[in-house]
Amino acid sequence: MDEPLWLEETRGYIDLGMLQEATGCLDALPLSKQRSAEAMEMRIIISLNQKDLEGALKLSRELCDSYPENHAGFIQGAFCLHELGRTTEAQEHLQNGPTSLRREPVYFYNLGCYDLSLGKKDAAMAWLNRAFEMSPGHLEKAISDPDLEPLKELLQKRANG
């Protein structure tokens, strides 16, 4: 499916770090489109790029409320909570997402990161292994992820067979 031009432009501006221009694209949309799940997700990404975790969390919650089947609000909201030091709340938020979220490797990957930060190494590896089974590419990402540094040796062993 082709994306609308405004979404391509907004993503392009975000990729270039031109956040004011990205915001301008969204602000120029009709109000009905500004409240679309895609536009709301772009605003979350802009807030994250601006290091505005509280703003991104607020937008994530709005996305969850408006589009409860949309995964982005739950994934991004949980990330914000974790980064704000509210990791237990992040896990709960993510696990309260739609059941369809459990088909996404990032769901299990993030739960692994959160459990590790809470000192639950075995539980973290269980979540991560599930993500790797769903998407082997996540293993390479995990090896270089600073959040998973305490598991680096285990992850490298898994990658090497």
Protein backbone atom coordinates (compact mmCIF):
# COMPACT_ATOMS: atom_id res chain seq x y z
CA MET A 1 0.00 0.00 0.00
CA ASP A 2 1.32 3.41 -0.93
CA GLU A 3 1.74 5.90 1.87
CA PRO A 4 0.20 9.35 1.54
CA LEU A 5 2.62 12.06 0.41
CA TRP A 6 2.35 13.95 3.72
CA LEU A 7 3.49 10.86 5.61
CA GLU A 8 6.46 10.31 3.29
CA GLU A 9 7.42 13.98 3.63
CA THR A 10 7.10 13.90 7.41
CA ARG A 11 9.23 10.76 7.66
CA GLY A 12 11.79 12.29 5.32
CA TYR A 13 12.08 15.40 7.46
CA ILE A 14 12.40 13.29 10.61
CA ASP A 15 15.13 11.18 9.00
CA LEU A 16 17.01 14.38 8.13
CA GLY A 17 16.60 15.76 11.65
CA MET A 18 14.40 18.58 10.36
CA LEU A 19 11.89 18.33 13.16
CA GLN A 20 10.30 21.77 12.72
CA GLU A 21 9.58 20.96 9.09
CA ALA A 22 8.15 17.57 10.07
CA THR A 23 5.90 19.25 12.60
CA GLY A 24 4.89 21.77 9.93
CA CYS A 25 3.78 18.96 7.62
CA LEU A 26 1.56 17.58 10.37
CA ASP A 27 0.19 20.99 11.35
CA ALA A 28 -0.79 21.67 7.73
CA LEU A 29 -3.03 18.60 7.61
CA PRO A 30 -6.79 18.88 7.99
CA LEU A 31 -7.81 18.27 11.61
CA SER A 32 -9.28 14.89 10.76
CA LYS A 33 -5.89 13.72 9.42
CA GLN A 34 -3.99 15.30 12.33
CA ARG A 35 -5.84 12.90 14.63
CA SER A 36 -5.04 9.86 12.49
CA ALA A 37 -2.95 7.09 14.04
CA GLU A 38 -0.14 7.76 11.55
CA ALA A 39 0.04 11.47 12.34
CA MET A 40 -0.09 10.82 16.07
CA GLU A 41 2.74 8.30 15.74
CA MET A 42 4.84 10.83 13.81
CA ARG A 43 4.32 13.38 16.60
CA ILE A 44 5.54 10.80 19.13
CA ILE A 45 8.66 10.19 17.06
CA ILE A 46 9.29 13.93 16.78
CA SER A 47 8.96 14.31 20.56
CA LEU A 48 11.35 11.41 21.12
CA ASN A 49 13.86 13.00 18.75
CA GLN A 50 13.53 16.22 20.74
CA LYS A 51 14.27 14.21 23.93
CA ASP A 52 10.83 15.18 25.26
CA LEU A 53 9.95 11.93 27.00
CA GLU A 54 7.03 13.37 28.96
CA GLY A 55 5.53 14.85 25.80
CA ALA A 56 6.03 11.61 23.89
CA LEU A 57 4.45 9.66 26.74
CA LYS A 58 1.41 11.93 26.74
CA LEU A 59 1.05 11.52 22.97
CA SER A 60 1.50 7.75 23.28
CA ARG A 61 -1.32 7.56 25.78
CA GLU A 62 -3.54 9.61 23.49
CA LEU A 63 -2.73 7.21 20.65
CA CYS A 64 -3.58 4.22 22.87
CA ASP A 65 -6.88 5.81 23.89
CA SER A 66 -7.84 6.81 20.34
CA TYR A 67 -6.58 3.67 18.58
CA PRO A 68 -6.35 0.83 21.12
CA GLU A 69 -5.43 -1.73 18.43
CA ASN A 70 -2.46 0.35 17.26
CA HIS A 71 0.83 -1.06 18.51
CA ALA A 72 2.90 2.12 18.36
CA GLY A 73 1.25 3.82 21.32
CA PHE A 74 1.99 0.86 23.56
CA ILE A 75 5.55 0.29 22.33
CA GLN A 76 6.53 3.96 22.40
CA GLY A 77 4.71 4.64 25.65
CA ALA A 78 6.47 1.75 27.37
CA PHE A 79 9.80 2.99 26.03
CA CYS A 80 9.12 6.45 27.48
CA LEU A 81 8.19 5.01 30.86
CA HIS A 82 11.33 2.87 30.91
CA GLU A 83 13.54 5.82 29.99
CA LEU A 84 11.87 7.83 32.75
CA GLY A 85 12.89 5.13 35.25
CA ARG A 86 9.39 3.69 35.53
CA THR A 87 10.26 0.25 34.15
CA THR A 88 7.68 -1.79 36.04
CA GLU A 89 5.01 0.58 34.77
CA ALA A 90 6.53 0.24 31.27
CA GLN A 91 6.10 -3.54 31.38
CA GLU A 92 2.51 -3.21 32.52
CA HIS A 93 1.75 -0.66 29.83
CA LEU A 94 3.23 -2.86 27.10
CA GLN A 95 1.47 -5.98 28.37
CA ASN A 96 -1.84 -4.12 28.39
CA GLY A 97 -1.58 -3.64 24.63
CA PRO A 98 -3.75 -5.52 22.15
CA THR A 99 -3.19 -9.26 21.88
CA SER A 100 -2.04 -8.72 18.28
CA LEU A 101 1.05 -7.02 19.74
CA ARG A 102 2.30 -10.46 20.75
CA ARG A 103 2.95 -11.17 17.07
CA GLU A 104 5.65 -8.49 17.07
CA PRO A 105 9.23 -9.44 17.98
CA VAL A 106 9.81 -5.95 19.39
CA TYR A 107 7.21 -6.71 22.07
CA PHE A 108 9.31 -9.58 23.44
CA TYR A 109 12.58 -7.75 22.84
CA ASN A 110 11.46 -4.78 24.89
CA LEU A 111 10.13 -6.97 27.70
CA GLY A 112 13.56 -8.60 27.77
CA CYS A 113 15.25 -5.22 28.09
CA TYR A 114 12.88 -4.18 30.86
CA ASP A 115 13.35 -7.42 32.83
CA LEU A 116 17.12 -7.12 32.56
CA SER A 117 17.03 -3.58 33.90
CA LEU A 118 15.01 -4.92 36.85
CA GLY A 119 17.70 -7.54 37.53
CA LYS A 120 15.76 -10.50 36.12
CA LYS A 121 18.42 -11.96 33.83
CA ASP A 122 16.79 -15.36 33.22
CA ALA A 123 13.40 -13.82 32.45
CA ALA A 124 15.09 -11.31 30.15
CA MET A 125 16.77 -14.10 28.18
CA ALA A 126 13.47 -15.96 27.89
CA TRP A 127 11.78 -12.89 26.37
CA LEU A 128 14.75 -12.20 24.10
CA ASN A 129 14.90 -15.80 22.87
CA ARG A 130 11.26 -15.50 21.87
CA ALA A 131 12.05 -12.33 19.90
CA PHE A 132 15.02 -14.04 18.20
CA GLU A 133 12.86 -17.03 17.22
CA MET A 134 10.39 -14.66 15.59
CA SER A 135 13.03 -12.47 13.96
CA PRO A 136 16.63 -13.70 13.91
CA GLY A 137 17.83 -10.20 12.96
CA HIS A 138 17.00 -9.02 16.45
CA LEU A 139 19.94 -11.05 17.79
CA GLU A 140 22.48 -8.84 16.00
CA LYS A 141 20.70 -5.77 17.30
CA ALA A 142 20.77 -7.21 20.82
CA ILE A 143 24.51 -7.86 20.71
CA SER A 144 25.20 -4.18 20.10
CA ASP A 145 22.40 -2.83 22.33
CA PRO A 146 23.95 -1.02 25.32
CA ASP A 147 20.86 -1.85 27.40
CA LEU A 148 21.73 -5.53 27.01
CA GLU A 149 25.45 -5.24 27.76
CA PRO A 150 25.20 -7.58 30.81
CA LEU A 151 23.99 -10.33 28.44
CA LYS A 152 26.47 -9.67 25.65
CA GLU A 153 28.50 -12.83 26.27
CA LEU A 154 25.38 -15.03 26.29
CA LEU A 155 24.05 -13.30 23.18
CA GLN A 156 27.33 -13.78 21.32
CA LYS A 157 27.36 -17.47 22.26
CA ARG A 158 23.86 -17.82 20.86
CA ALA A 159 24.86 -16.04 17.67
CA ASN A 160 27.86 -18.35 17.22
CA GLY A 161 25.76 -21.45 17.58
